[in-house]
Amino acid sequence: MLSITSEREYQSVYKKNIKTEGNLFVFLKRKIPEDYFAVGFVVSKKVGNAVIRNKVKRRIRAFLREHEDLHPTGVKLVIIAKPEAGTAIWQKIKDELIQLFETI
């Protein structure tokens, strides 16, 4: 699993994407010819203060480490947290992420 870090990579996913939306997260997926999985996170100030935003990002990273079997290959994925993700419990976050990854 690679991280999307540059603005150029984020913009490439924003411009050509397939959108999947849940109650807590939005997935923007772009298929790529290479055989790897890259992911980036967007957690805006609408989610909460810095502590809450970092907590949401840590939970997403923990989920990705636990569920490597769900990672698709040949995909760049941007996970956008909705404001409800800041107050959601861990089990609800895990359930939604599993559901969204299964739709990819």
N, C-alpha and C. Protein backbone atom coordinates (compact mmCIF):
# COMPACT_ATOMS: atom_id res chain seq x y z
N MET A 1 0.85 -1.17 0.00
CA MET A 1 0.00 0.00 0.00
C MET A 1 0.89 1.24 0.00
N LEU A 2 0.66 2.10 -0.95
CA LEU A 2 1.39 3.36 -1.05
C LEU A 2 0.47 4.51 -0.62
N SER A 3 1.08 5.62 -0.27
CA SER A 3 0.31 6.81 0.11
C SER A 3 0.30 7.81 -1.02
N ILE A 4 -0.84 8.45 -1.20
CA ILE A 4 -0.94 9.57 -2.12
C ILE A 4 -0.52 10.80 -1.32
N THR A 5 0.51 11.47 -1.78
CA THR A 5 1.04 12.58 -1.00
C THR A 5 1.00 13.91 -1.74
N SER A 6 1.16 13.89 -3.03
CA SER A 6 1.27 15.16 -3.76
C SER A 6 -0.09 15.66 -4.23
N GLU A 7 -0.16 16.95 -4.39
CA GLU A 7 -1.38 17.59 -4.90
C GLU A 7 -1.72 17.08 -6.29
N ARG A 8 -0.70 16.82 -7.09
CA ARG A 8 -0.91 16.32 -8.45
C ARG A 8 -1.62 14.96 -8.44
N GLU A 9 -1.22 14.09 -7.54
CA GLU A 9 -1.86 12.78 -7.44
C GLU A 9 -3.32 12.91 -6.99
N TYR A 10 -3.56 13.77 -6.01
CA TYR A 10 -4.94 13.98 -5.56
C TYR A 10 -5.78 14.53 -6.71
N GLN A 11 -5.26 15.50 -7.44
CA GLN A 11 -6.02 16.09 -8.55
C GLN A 11 -6.31 15.07 -9.64
N SER A 12 -5.39 14.15 -9.89
CA SER A 12 -5.63 13.14 -10.92
C SER A 12 -6.80 12.24 -10.52
N VAL A 13 -6.94 11.95 -9.22
CA VAL A 13 -8.06 11.14 -8.76
C VAL A 13 -9.35 11.95 -8.78
N TYR A 14 -9.28 13.24 -8.39
CA TYR A 14 -10.47 14.09 -8.39
C TYR A 14 -11.05 14.25 -9.79
N LYS A 15 -10.19 14.37 -10.80
CA LYS A 15 -10.66 14.65 -12.15
C LYS A 15 -11.31 13.44 -12.81
N LYS A 16 -10.73 12.27 -12.63
CA LYS A 16 -11.27 11.06 -13.25
C LYS A 16 -11.49 10.04 -12.16
N ASN A 17 -12.73 9.96 -11.67
CA ASN A 17 -12.97 9.05 -10.56
C ASN A 17 -14.31 8.36 -10.67
N ILE A 18 -14.43 7.30 -9.89
CA ILE A 18 -15.69 6.61 -9.66
C ILE A 18 -16.01 6.83 -8.19
N LYS A 19 -17.17 7.41 -7.91
CA LYS A 19 -17.52 7.83 -6.55
C LYS A 19 -18.42 6.79 -5.89
N THR A 20 -18.06 6.43 -4.66
CA THR A 20 -18.87 5.56 -3.82
C THR A 20 -19.06 6.28 -2.51
N GLU A 21 -20.31 6.39 -2.06
CA GLU A 21 -20.60 7.21 -0.89
C GLU A 21 -21.32 6.41 0.18
N GLY A 22 -20.92 6.63 1.42
CA GLY A 22 -21.58 6.04 2.58
C GLY A 22 -22.03 7.13 3.53
N ASN A 23 -22.39 6.75 4.75
CA ASN A 23 -22.82 7.73 5.74
C ASN A 23 -21.66 8.51 6.35
N LEU A 24 -20.49 7.86 6.43
CA LEU A 24 -19.34 8.48 7.09
C LEU A 24 -18.22 8.86 6.14
N PHE A 25 -18.12 8.17 5.00
CA PHE A 25 -16.99 8.38 4.09
C PHE A 25 -17.45 8.42 2.64
N VAL A 26 -16.63 9.07 1.82
CA VAL A 26 -16.80 9.07 0.38
C VAL A 26 -15.51 8.50 -0.20
N PHE A 27 -15.63 7.52 -1.09
CA PHE A 27 -14.48 6.94 -1.77
C PHE A 27 -14.44 7.48 -3.19
N LEU A 28 -13.30 8.01 -3.60
CA LEU A 28 -13.06 8.39 -4.99
C LEU A 28 -11.99 7.45 -5.51
N LYS A 29 -12.34 6.67 -6.52
CA LYS A 29 -11.46 5.63 -7.03
C LYS A 29 -11.07 5.93 -8.46
N ARG A 30 -9.80 5.73 -8.76
CA ARG A 30 -9.32 5.87 -10.13
C ARG A 30 -8.51 4.63 -10.47
N LYS A 31 -8.88 3.98 -11.54
CA LYS A 31 -8.13 2.81 -11.99
C LYS A 31 -6.85 3.27 -12.67
N ILE A 32 -5.77 2.52 -12.42
CA ILE A 32 -4.47 2.83 -13.00
C ILE A 32 -3.90 1.55 -13.61
N PRO A 33 -3.05 1.69 -14.63
CA PRO A 33 -2.51 0.49 -15.28
C PRO A 33 -1.47 -0.25 -14.42
N GLU A 34 -0.85 0.43 -13.47
CA GLU A 34 0.15 -0.21 -12.62
C GLU A 34 -0.54 -1.18 -11.66
N ASP A 35 0.25 -2.08 -11.10
CA ASP A 35 -0.30 -3.13 -10.25
C ASP A 35 -0.01 -2.84 -8.77
N TYR A 36 -0.52 -1.74 -8.25
CA TYR A 36 -0.37 -1.41 -6.84
C TYR A 36 -1.61 -0.69 -6.35
N PHE A 37 -1.67 -0.49 -5.03
CA PHE A 37 -2.78 0.19 -4.39
C PHE A 37 -2.23 1.42 -3.67
N ALA A 38 -2.77 2.59 -3.99
CA ALA A 38 -2.36 3.84 -3.34
C ALA A 38 -3.59 4.48 -2.72
N VAL A 39 -3.41 5.04 -1.53
CA VAL A 39 -4.54 5.63 -0.82
C VAL A 39 -4.12 6.97 -0.22
N GLY A 40 -5.08 7.90 -0.20
CA GLY A 40 -4.90 9.20 0.43
C GLY A 40 -6.14 9.53 1.24
N PHE A 41 -5.98 10.39 2.23
CA PHE A 41 -7.09 10.76 3.12
C PHE A 41 -7.33 12.25 3.05
N VAL A 42 -8.62 12.62 3.13
CA VAL A 42 -9.00 14.03 3.24
C VAL A 42 -9.95 14.13 4.42
N VAL A 43 -9.51 14.84 5.45
CA VAL A 43 -10.33 15.04 6.64
C VAL A 43 -10.34 16.55 6.90
N SER A 44 -11.44 17.19 6.56
CA SER A 44 -11.51 18.65 6.64
C SER A 44 -11.84 19.13 8.05
N LYS A 45 -11.79 20.42 8.24
CA LYS A 45 -12.09 21.01 9.54
C LYS A 45 -13.55 20.84 9.94
N LYS A 46 -14.40 20.49 8.99
CA LYS A 46 -15.80 20.24 9.31
C LYS A 46 -15.96 19.00 10.19
N VAL A 47 -14.98 18.10 10.14
CA VAL A 47 -15.03 16.87 10.93
C VAL A 47 -14.80 17.18 12.41
N GLY A 48 -13.94 18.13 12.70
CA GLY A 48 -13.67 18.48 14.10
C GLY A 48 -12.34 19.18 14.22
N ASN A 49 -11.89 19.35 15.46
CA ASN A 49 -10.61 20.00 15.68
C ASN A 49 -9.46 19.06 15.30
N ALA A 50 -8.24 19.49 15.48
CA ALA A 50 -7.08 18.72 15.03
C ALA A 50 -7.00 17.35 15.69
N VAL A 51 -7.37 17.27 16.96
CA VAL A 51 -7.33 16.00 17.66
C VAL A 51 -8.29 15.00 17.03
N ILE A 52 -9.49 15.44 16.74
CA ILE A 52 -10.51 14.58 16.14
C ILE A 52 -10.11 14.18 14.72
N ARG A 53 -9.61 15.13 13.94
CA ARG A 53 -9.20 14.82 12.56
C ARG A 53 -8.08 13.78 12.55
N ASN A 54 -7.10 13.93 13.43
CA ASN A 54 -6.01 12.96 13.49
C ASN A 54 -6.50 11.60 13.96
N LYS A 55 -7.47 11.59 14.86
CA LYS A 55 -8.05 10.33 15.34
C LYS A 55 -8.74 9.59 14.20
N VAL A 56 -9.47 10.31 13.37
CA VAL A 56 -10.14 9.70 12.22
C VAL A 56 -9.10 9.12 11.27
N LYS A 57 -8.04 9.85 10.99
CA LYS A 57 -6.98 9.35 10.09
C LYS A 57 -6.29 8.13 10.68
N ARG A 58 -6.03 8.14 11.98
CA ARG A 58 -5.41 6.97 12.63
C ARG A 58 -6.30 5.75 12.53
N ARG A 59 -7.60 5.96 12.70
CA ARG A 59 -8.54 4.83 12.61
C ARG A 59 -8.59 4.26 11.20
N ILE A 60 -8.56 5.12 10.19
CA ILE A 60 -8.57 4.63 8.81
C ILE A 60 -7.30 3.85 8.53
N ARG A 61 -6.15 4.37 8.96
CA ARG A 61 -4.88 3.66 8.77
C ARG A 61 -4.88 2.30 9.47
N ALA A 62 -5.42 2.26 10.69
CA ALA A 62 -5.50 1.01 11.45
C ALA A 62 -6.37 0.00 10.71
N PHE A 63 -7.48 0.47 10.17
CA PHE A 63 -8.36 -0.41 9.40
C PHE A 63 -7.62 -0.98 8.19
N LEU A 64 -6.90 -0.13 7.48
CA LEU A 64 -6.18 -0.58 6.28
C LEU A 64 -5.10 -1.60 6.63
N ARG A 65 -4.43 -1.44 7.77
CA ARG A 65 -3.44 -2.42 8.20
C ARG A 65 -4.08 -3.75 8.56
N GLU A 66 -5.24 -3.70 9.22
CA GLU A 66 -5.93 -4.93 9.64
C GLU A 66 -6.54 -5.69 8.47
N HIS A 67 -6.96 -4.99 7.44
CA HIS A 67 -7.70 -5.61 6.34
C HIS A 67 -6.95 -5.47 5.02
N GLU A 68 -5.73 -5.95 4.97
CA GLU A 68 -4.96 -5.87 3.73
C GLU A 68 -5.56 -6.73 2.63
N ASP A 69 -6.35 -7.72 3.00
CA ASP A 69 -6.99 -8.58 2.00
C ASP A 69 -8.05 -7.84 1.18
N LEU A 70 -8.53 -6.71 1.67
CA LEU A 70 -9.54 -5.93 0.95
C LEU A 70 -8.94 -4.96 -0.05
N HIS A 71 -7.62 -4.76 -0.02
CA HIS A 71 -6.98 -3.79 -0.90
C HIS A 71 -7.07 -4.23 -2.36
N PRO A 72 -7.68 -3.42 -3.22
CA PRO A 72 -7.69 -3.74 -4.64
C PRO A 72 -6.36 -3.35 -5.27
N THR A 73 -5.99 -4.00 -6.36
CA THR A 73 -4.77 -3.62 -7.06
C THR A 73 -5.14 -2.81 -8.30
N GLY A 74 -4.22 -1.97 -8.73
CA GLY A 74 -4.49 -1.13 -9.89
C GLY A 74 -5.45 0.00 -9.60
N VAL A 75 -5.39 0.52 -8.37
CA VAL A 75 -6.36 1.55 -7.95
C VAL A 75 -5.65 2.62 -7.13
N LYS A 76 -6.01 3.87 -7.40
CA LYS A 76 -5.69 4.99 -6.51
C LYS A 76 -7.01 5.38 -5.85
N LEU A 77 -6.99 5.48 -4.53
CA LEU A 77 -8.20 5.72 -3.77
C LEU A 77 -8.01 6.92 -2.85
N VAL A 78 -8.98 7.83 -2.87
CA VAL A 78 -9.00 8.95 -1.92
C VAL A 78 -10.21 8.74 -1.02
N ILE A 79 -9.97 8.69 0.28
CA ILE A 79 -11.03 8.51 1.26
C ILE A 79 -11.29 9.88 1.90
N ILE A 80 -12.52 10.36 1.71
CA ILE A 80 -12.92 11.66 2.26
C ILE A 80 -13.85 11.41 3.44
N ALA A 81 -13.50 11.95 4.59
CA ALA A 81 -14.31 11.78 5.79
C ALA A 81 -15.41 12.84 5.82
N LYS A 82 -16.62 12.41 6.12
CA LYS A 82 -17.73 13.33 6.32
C LYS A 82 -17.72 13.79 7.78
N PRO A 83 -18.41 14.89 8.09
CA PRO A 83 -18.42 15.39 9.48
C PRO A 83 -18.88 14.35 10.51
N GLU A 84 -19.74 13.45 10.14
CA GLU A 84 -20.25 12.43 11.07
C GLU A 84 -19.15 11.46 11.51
N ALA A 85 -18.08 11.34 10.73
CA ALA A 85 -17.00 10.41 11.06
C ALA A 85 -16.27 10.83 12.34
N GLY A 86 -16.30 12.10 12.67
CA GLY A 86 -15.62 12.58 13.87
C GLY A 86 -16.24 12.11 15.16
N THR A 87 -17.54 11.83 15.15
CA THR A 87 -18.22 11.41 16.37
C THR A 87 -18.61 9.94 16.35
N ALA A 88 -18.30 9.23 15.27
CA ALA A 88 -18.70 7.83 15.13
C ALA A 88 -17.82 6.93 15.99
N ILE A 89 -18.41 5.83 16.45
CA ILE A 89 -17.64 4.86 17.23
C ILE A 89 -16.83 3.98 16.28
N TRP A 90 -15.80 3.34 16.82
CA TRP A 90 -14.86 2.56 16.02
C TRP A 90 -15.56 1.45 15.24
N GLN A 91 -16.50 0.74 15.87
CA GLN A 91 -17.18 -0.36 15.20
C GLN A 91 -17.98 0.13 13.99
N LYS A 92 -18.62 1.27 14.12
CA LYS A 92 -19.40 1.83 13.00
C LYS A 92 -18.48 2.21 11.84
N ILE A 93 -17.31 2.77 12.17
CA ILE A 93 -16.34 3.14 11.14
C ILE A 93 -15.85 1.89 10.41
N LYS A 94 -15.50 0.84 11.17
CA LYS A 94 -15.03 -0.40 10.56
C LYS A 94 -16.09 -1.01 9.64
N ASP A 95 -17.33 -1.06 10.12
CA ASP A 95 -18.41 -1.64 9.33
C ASP A 95 -18.60 -0.90 8.01
N GLU A 96 -18.58 0.42 8.08
CA GLU A 96 -18.78 1.18 6.84
C GLU A 96 -17.61 1.02 5.88
N LEU A 97 -16.38 1.03 6.39
CA LEU A 97 -15.22 0.87 5.52
C LEU A 97 -15.24 -0.50 4.85
N ILE A 98 -15.61 -1.55 5.59
CA ILE A 98 -15.72 -2.88 4.99
C ILE A 98 -16.75 -2.87 3.87
N GLN A 99 -17.88 -2.27 4.15
CA GLN A 99 -18.96 -2.20 3.15
C GLN A 99 -18.49 -1.45 1.89
N LEU A 100 -17.82 -0.33 2.07
CA LEU A 100 -17.37 0.46 0.92
C LEU A 100 -16.26 -0.25 0.14
N PHE A 101 -15.35 -0.93 0.84
CA PHE A 101 -14.29 -1.65 0.14
C PHE A 101 -14.85 -2.82 -0.65
N GLU A 102 -15.91 -3.43 -0.17
CA GLU A 102 -16.51 -4.55 -0.90
C GLU A 102 -17.19 -4.09 -2.19
N THR A 103 -17.58 -2.82 -2.27
CA THR A 103 -18.23 -2.32 -3.48
C THR A 103 -17.22 -1.93 -4.56
N ILE A 104 -15.93 -1.82 -4.18
CA ILE A 104 -14.91 -1.41 -5.17
C ILE A 104 -14.64 -2.57 -6.11
